[in-house]
Every structure is written in structure tokens, then in C-alpha cells.
Amino acid sequence: MKDPEQELAELLARRDEVKAAITEKTKRLREVERKRREAINRRIRRAKYRVTVAERKQRTRRLILMGSMVEARMKKSPAIAPTIKKDLDKFLTRDQDRALFDLPPLEGEA
């Protein structure tokens, strides 16, 4: 039979070993959890980016189609051309864009 003091010392040592093992496993678990969270966040960011790109492509396509429709209507009914050009004159603020529609540059712009 073991001396009670020796048995107590062994039990305390074993308890410390178990605590250390639990601490180590907890650290590893936290690291795994952190990595998984980062991976999920990366996947979310990529998915959001793909949605944004798709939306931008759809918007660009809609704008191209609307522009084509307006251009076709202007050719079909030349009477609406002055109204559209007047609207463009109010809407366009960049001289580079205005030049595409033969509009004069804005005053004060170099």
C-alpha cells in the first residue's frame, strides 16, 4: 500500500497533467475554430464578390440595351432627338462624355 502523502502527490501530479492536456487541446481547438471561421469568411467574401460582379454585369447590359433602344427610337423618330439631346446636355457633366454626343464642353472645365 502507498503512503497517503505519496498517493496525494501522485494524484496532484496526475491532475496537473490532465489540466495541461486539457489546456493544450483547448488551444488546438481554438486554433481549428479560428481557421474554420477564417475559411468561412473567405468563402462569404468570395460569394459576395461574385454577386457584385454579376450585378454589375447585369446593370451594364441593361444600360447598353437601353442606350440601343433610345438610339433606335431616335433614328426611327427624328423628332425626339432634340429632346433626348437636351436631356443629355443636362445630365452629362464630364466633357469626355459630352463629346460623344457632340455637346459643347461645360463652362469652367479645362
N, C-alpha and C. Protein backbone atom coordinates (compact mmCIF):
# COMPACT_ATOMS: atom_id res chain seq x y z
N MET A 1 0.82 -1.17 0.00
CA MET A 1 0.00 0.00 0.00
C MET A 1 0.88 1.25 0.00
N LYS A 2 0.37 2.31 -0.69
CA LYS A 2 1.15 3.54 -0.82
C LYS A 2 0.95 4.42 0.41
N ASP A 3 1.98 5.16 0.64
CA ASP A 3 1.94 6.18 1.69
C ASP A 3 0.90 7.23 1.25
N PRO A 4 0.01 7.70 2.12
CA PRO A 4 -1.00 8.69 1.74
C PRO A 4 -0.40 9.97 1.15
N GLU A 5 0.73 10.40 1.64
CA GLU A 5 1.37 11.61 1.09
C GLU A 5 1.85 11.35 -0.33
N GLN A 6 2.40 10.18 -0.56
CA GLN A 6 2.88 9.83 -1.90
C GLN A 6 1.69 9.70 -2.85
N GLU A 7 0.63 9.08 -2.38
CA GLU A 7 -0.58 8.94 -3.21
C GLU A 7 -1.15 10.31 -3.54
N LEU A 8 -1.18 11.21 -2.57
CA LEU A 8 -1.67 12.56 -2.80
C LEU A 8 -0.79 13.28 -3.82
N ALA A 9 0.51 13.14 -3.69
CA ALA A 9 1.45 13.78 -4.62
C ALA A 9 1.23 13.25 -6.04
N GLU A 10 1.03 11.94 -6.17
CA GLU A 10 0.79 11.34 -7.50
C GLU A 10 -0.54 11.83 -8.09
N LEU A 11 -1.56 11.91 -7.24
CA LEU A 11 -2.86 12.40 -7.72
C LEU A 11 -2.78 13.86 -8.15
N LEU A 12 -2.08 14.66 -7.36
CA LEU A 12 -1.91 16.08 -7.74
C LEU A 12 -1.12 16.21 -9.04
N ALA A 13 -0.09 15.39 -9.21
CA ALA A 13 0.70 15.40 -10.44
C ALA A 13 -0.17 14.99 -11.62
N ARG A 14 -0.97 13.97 -11.40
CA ARG A 14 -1.86 13.49 -12.47
C ARG A 14 -2.88 14.57 -12.83
N ARG A 15 -3.40 15.24 -11.78
CA ARG A 15 -4.35 16.32 -12.03
C ARG A 15 -3.69 17.42 -12.86
N ASP A 16 -2.45 17.76 -12.55
CA ASP A 16 -1.74 18.79 -13.31
C ASP A 16 -1.51 18.36 -14.75
N GLU A 17 -1.20 17.08 -14.96
CA GLU A 17 -1.03 16.55 -16.31
C GLU A 17 -2.33 16.66 -17.10
N VAL A 18 -3.44 16.30 -16.46
CA VAL A 18 -4.75 16.36 -17.12
C VAL A 18 -5.09 17.81 -17.46
N LYS A 19 -4.83 18.72 -16.50
CA LYS A 19 -5.09 20.14 -16.76
C LYS A 19 -4.26 20.64 -17.94
N ALA A 20 -2.99 20.25 -17.97
CA ALA A 20 -2.11 20.66 -19.07
C ALA A 20 -2.61 20.10 -20.40
N ALA A 21 -3.04 18.85 -20.38
CA ALA A 21 -3.55 18.23 -21.61
C ALA A 21 -4.81 18.94 -22.08
N ILE A 22 -5.69 19.25 -21.14
CA ILE A 22 -6.93 19.95 -21.48
C ILE A 22 -6.61 21.33 -22.04
N THR A 23 -5.67 22.03 -21.42
CA THR A 23 -5.26 23.36 -21.89
C THR A 23 -4.72 23.28 -23.32
N GLU A 24 -3.87 22.30 -23.57
CA GLU A 24 -3.29 22.13 -24.91
C GLU A 24 -4.37 21.81 -25.93
N LYS A 25 -5.27 20.91 -25.59
CA LYS A 25 -6.34 20.55 -26.52
C LYS A 25 -7.27 21.74 -26.75
N THR A 26 -7.51 22.53 -25.72
CA THR A 26 -8.34 23.72 -25.86
C THR A 26 -7.68 24.71 -26.81
N LYS A 27 -6.37 24.89 -26.68
CA LYS A 27 -5.64 25.79 -27.59
C LYS A 27 -5.76 25.30 -29.03
N ARG A 28 -5.56 23.99 -29.23
CA ARG A 28 -5.66 23.44 -30.59
C ARG A 28 -7.08 23.60 -31.14
N LEU A 29 -8.08 23.37 -30.28
CA LEU A 29 -9.46 23.51 -30.69
C LEU A 29 -9.76 24.96 -31.09
N ARG A 30 -9.27 25.91 -30.31
CA ARG A 30 -9.46 27.32 -30.65
C ARG A 30 -8.80 27.66 -31.98
N GLU A 31 -7.63 27.11 -32.21
CA GLU A 31 -6.92 27.36 -33.47
C GLU A 31 -7.70 26.78 -34.65
N VAL A 32 -8.20 25.56 -34.48
CA VAL A 32 -9.01 24.95 -35.54
C VAL A 32 -10.26 25.79 -35.79
N GLU A 33 -10.89 26.23 -34.71
CA GLU A 33 -12.09 27.06 -34.83
C GLU A 33 -11.77 28.37 -35.55
N ARG A 34 -10.65 28.99 -35.21
CA ARG A 34 -10.24 30.24 -35.87
C ARG A 34 -10.02 30.03 -37.36
N LYS A 35 -9.33 28.94 -37.71
CA LYS A 35 -9.06 28.65 -39.12
C LYS A 35 -10.36 28.39 -39.88
N ARG A 36 -11.27 27.66 -39.27
CA ARG A 36 -12.55 27.39 -39.93
C ARG A 36 -13.34 28.67 -40.12
N ARG A 37 -13.33 29.53 -39.10
CA ARG A 37 -14.03 30.81 -39.20
C ARG A 37 -13.43 31.66 -40.32
N GLU A 38 -12.11 31.68 -40.40
CA GLU A 38 -11.45 32.43 -41.48
C GLU A 38 -11.82 31.87 -42.84
N ALA A 39 -11.84 30.55 -42.96
CA ALA A 39 -12.19 29.91 -44.23
C ALA A 39 -13.63 30.26 -44.63
N ILE A 40 -14.52 30.22 -43.66
CA ILE A 40 -15.92 30.57 -43.95
C ILE A 40 -16.03 32.03 -44.35
N ASN A 41 -15.31 32.90 -43.66
CA ASN A 41 -15.34 34.32 -44.00
C ASN A 41 -14.78 34.56 -45.40
N ARG A 42 -13.73 33.83 -45.78
CA ARG A 42 -13.20 33.94 -47.15
C ARG A 42 -14.24 33.51 -48.17
N ARG A 43 -14.93 32.41 -47.88
CA ARG A 43 -15.97 31.93 -48.80
C ARG A 43 -17.10 32.95 -48.91
N ILE A 44 -17.46 33.57 -47.80
CA ILE A 44 -18.51 34.59 -47.82
C ILE A 44 -18.07 35.79 -48.66
N ARG A 45 -16.82 36.24 -48.46
CA ARG A 45 -16.31 37.38 -49.24
C ARG A 45 -16.30 37.06 -50.73
N ARG A 46 -15.85 35.84 -51.08
CA ARG A 46 -15.83 35.45 -52.50
C ARG A 46 -17.23 35.40 -53.08
N ALA A 47 -18.18 34.87 -52.31
CA ALA A 47 -19.56 34.79 -52.79
C ALA A 47 -20.14 36.20 -52.99
N LYS A 48 -19.88 37.09 -52.04
CA LYS A 48 -20.36 38.47 -52.17
C LYS A 48 -19.73 39.13 -53.40
N TYR A 49 -18.45 38.88 -53.62
CA TYR A 49 -17.76 39.45 -54.78
C TYR A 49 -18.41 38.95 -56.07
N ARG A 50 -18.68 37.64 -56.12
CA ARG A 50 -19.32 37.08 -57.33
C ARG A 50 -20.69 37.70 -57.57
N VAL A 51 -21.44 37.93 -56.49
CA VAL A 51 -22.76 38.56 -56.63
C VAL A 51 -22.59 39.98 -57.15
N THR A 52 -21.64 40.71 -56.60
CA THR A 52 -21.40 42.09 -57.03
C THR A 52 -21.01 42.15 -58.49
N VAL A 53 -20.13 41.24 -58.90
CA VAL A 53 -19.70 41.21 -60.30
C VAL A 53 -20.88 40.89 -61.21
N ALA A 54 -21.69 39.92 -60.82
CA ALA A 54 -22.86 39.55 -61.63
C ALA A 54 -23.83 40.72 -61.73
N GLU A 55 -24.07 41.41 -60.61
CA GLU A 55 -24.97 42.56 -60.64
C GLU A 55 -24.43 43.66 -61.53
N ARG A 56 -23.12 43.90 -61.45
CA ARG A 56 -22.51 44.94 -62.29
C ARG A 56 -22.64 44.59 -63.77
N LYS A 57 -22.43 43.31 -64.10
CA LYS A 57 -22.58 42.88 -65.50
C LYS A 57 -24.01 43.06 -65.98
N GLN A 58 -24.98 42.70 -65.12
CA GLN A 58 -26.38 42.87 -65.49
C GLN A 58 -26.72 44.34 -65.70
N ARG A 59 -26.24 45.18 -64.81
CA ARG A 59 -26.51 46.62 -64.95
C ARG A 59 -25.90 47.16 -66.24
N THR A 60 -24.67 46.77 -66.51
CA THR A 60 -24.01 47.22 -67.74
C THR A 60 -24.80 46.77 -68.96
N ARG A 61 -25.23 45.53 -68.94
CA ARG A 61 -26.01 45.00 -70.07
C ARG A 61 -27.32 45.78 -70.22
N ARG A 62 -28.01 46.06 -69.10
CA ARG A 62 -29.26 46.83 -69.17
C ARG A 62 -29.01 48.22 -69.76
N LEU A 63 -27.92 48.86 -69.32
CA LEU A 63 -27.62 50.20 -69.83
C LEU A 63 -27.32 50.18 -71.32
N ILE A 64 -26.59 49.18 -71.77
CA ILE A 64 -26.29 49.05 -73.19
C ILE A 64 -27.58 48.86 -73.98
N LEU A 65 -28.45 47.99 -73.48
CA LEU A 65 -29.71 47.73 -74.19
C LEU A 65 -30.61 48.97 -74.20
N MET A 66 -30.66 49.70 -73.08
CA MET A 66 -31.47 50.93 -73.06
C MET A 66 -30.91 51.95 -74.04
N GLY A 67 -29.59 52.08 -74.05
CA GLY A 67 -28.96 53.02 -74.98
C GLY A 67 -29.25 52.64 -76.43
N SER A 68 -29.20 51.34 -76.72
CA SER A 68 -29.51 50.88 -78.07
C SER A 68 -30.96 51.18 -78.43
N MET A 69 -31.87 50.99 -77.47
CA MET A 69 -33.27 51.27 -77.71
C MET A 69 -33.49 52.77 -77.99
N VAL A 70 -32.87 53.62 -77.17
CA VAL A 70 -33.02 55.07 -77.37
C VAL A 70 -32.45 55.48 -78.72
N GLU A 71 -31.30 54.93 -79.06
CA GLU A 71 -30.69 55.26 -80.35
C GLU A 71 -31.59 54.81 -81.51
N ALA A 72 -32.18 53.63 -81.39
CA ALA A 72 -33.08 53.13 -82.44
C ALA A 72 -34.31 54.02 -82.55
N ARG A 73 -34.85 54.45 -81.41
CA ARG A 73 -36.03 55.34 -81.43
C ARG A 73 -35.69 56.69 -82.06
N MET A 74 -34.49 57.18 -81.77
CA MET A 74 -34.07 58.46 -82.36
C MET A 74 -33.96 58.34 -83.87
N LYS A 75 -33.48 57.22 -84.37
CA LYS A 75 -33.37 57.03 -85.82
C LYS A 75 -34.74 56.86 -86.45
N LYS A 76 -35.62 56.16 -85.73
CA LYS A 76 -36.96 55.90 -86.25
C LYS A 76 -37.83 57.16 -86.19
N SER A 77 -37.70 57.93 -85.15
CA SER A 77 -38.48 59.16 -84.97
C SER A 77 -37.53 60.31 -84.69
N PRO A 78 -36.97 60.94 -85.72
CA PRO A 78 -36.00 62.01 -85.51
C PRO A 78 -36.54 63.18 -84.70
N ALA A 79 -37.85 63.30 -84.56
CA ALA A 79 -38.43 64.41 -83.82
C ALA A 79 -38.10 64.33 -82.33
N ILE A 80 -37.81 63.15 -81.80
CA ILE A 80 -37.49 63.04 -80.37
C ILE A 80 -36.01 63.29 -80.08
N ALA A 81 -35.20 63.35 -81.14
CA ALA A 81 -33.76 63.54 -80.96
C ALA A 81 -33.42 64.83 -80.20
N PRO A 82 -34.04 65.96 -80.52
CA PRO A 82 -33.71 67.19 -79.78
C PRO A 82 -34.03 67.09 -78.29
N THR A 83 -35.12 66.42 -77.95
CA THR A 83 -35.49 66.27 -76.53
C THR A 83 -34.45 65.44 -75.80
N ILE A 84 -34.04 64.35 -76.42
CA ILE A 84 -33.04 63.48 -75.80
C ILE A 84 -31.71 64.20 -75.68
N LYS A 85 -31.33 64.94 -76.72
CA LYS A 85 -30.07 65.67 -76.68
C LYS A 85 -30.10 66.74 -75.59
N LYS A 86 -31.26 67.39 -75.41
CA LYS A 86 -31.41 68.40 -74.36
C LYS A 86 -31.27 67.74 -72.98
N ASP A 87 -31.87 66.57 -72.82
CA ASP A 87 -31.75 65.83 -71.55
C ASP A 87 -30.30 65.42 -71.30
N LEU A 88 -29.63 64.98 -72.33
CA LEU A 88 -28.22 64.60 -72.19
C LEU A 88 -27.37 65.81 -71.82
N ASP A 89 -27.69 66.96 -72.40
CA ASP A 89 -26.95 68.19 -72.09
C ASP A 89 -27.04 68.51 -70.60
N LYS A 90 -28.19 68.25 -69.99
CA LYS A 90 -28.35 68.50 -68.56
C LYS A 90 -27.69 67.40 -67.72
N PHE A 91 -27.72 66.20 -68.23
CA PHE A 91 -27.28 65.03 -67.46
C PHE A 91 -25.76 64.84 -67.46
N LEU A 92 -25.13 65.03 -68.59
CA LEU A 92 -23.69 64.74 -68.71
C LEU A 92 -22.85 65.86 -68.13
N THR A 93 -21.92 65.50 -67.26
CA THR A 93 -21.09 66.51 -66.60
C THR A 93 -19.62 66.42 -66.99
N ARG A 94 -19.21 65.32 -67.58
CA ARG A 94 -17.81 65.19 -68.00
C ARG A 94 -17.68 65.56 -69.48
N ASP A 95 -16.72 66.41 -69.79
CA ASP A 95 -16.53 66.85 -71.17
C ASP A 95 -16.27 65.67 -72.10
N GLN A 96 -15.56 64.68 -71.61
CA GLN A 96 -15.28 63.49 -72.41
C GLN A 96 -16.58 62.80 -72.81
N ASP A 97 -17.53 62.71 -71.89
CA ASP A 97 -18.82 62.09 -72.18
C ASP A 97 -19.65 62.98 -73.11
N ARG A 98 -19.60 64.28 -72.87
CA ARG A 98 -20.37 65.22 -73.69
C ARG A 98 -19.90 65.19 -75.14
N ALA A 99 -18.61 65.00 -75.34
CA ALA A 99 -18.06 64.97 -76.70
C ALA A 99 -18.62 63.79 -77.50
N LEU A 100 -18.95 62.71 -76.83
CA LEU A 100 -19.53 61.55 -77.52
C LEU A 100 -20.86 61.88 -78.19
N PHE A 101 -21.54 62.89 -77.67
CA PHE A 101 -22.85 63.27 -78.20
C PHE A 101 -22.81 64.64 -78.88
N ASP A 102 -21.61 65.06 -79.24
CA ASP A 102 -21.40 66.36 -79.89
C ASP A 102 -21.98 67.52 -79.09
N LEU A 103 -21.83 67.46 -77.79
CA LEU A 103 -22.27 68.54 -76.91
C LEU A 103 -21.06 69.40 -76.55
N PRO A 104 -21.24 70.69 -76.39
CA PRO A 104 -20.10 71.54 -76.06
C PRO A 104 -19.61 71.27 -74.64
N PRO A 105 -18.33 71.54 -74.38
CA PRO A 105 -17.82 71.36 -73.02
C PRO A 105 -18.52 72.31 -72.06
N LEU A 106 -18.56 71.94 -70.82
CA LEU A 106 -19.17 72.79 -69.80
C LEU A 106 -18.26 73.97 -69.52
N GLU A 107 -18.82 75.09 -69.18
CA GLU A 107 -18.02 76.27 -68.86
C GLU A 107 -17.26 76.02 -67.56
N GLY A 108 -16.07 76.55 -67.49
CA GLY A 108 -15.27 76.39 -66.27
C GLY A 108 -14.48 75.10 -66.23
N GLU A 109 -14.70 74.21 -67.14
CA GLU A 109 -13.94 72.95 -67.20
C GLU A 109 -12.77 73.13 -68.14
N ALA A 110 -11.62 72.61 -67.79
CA ALA A 110 -10.45 72.75 -68.64
C ALA A 110 -10.27 71.50 -69.48
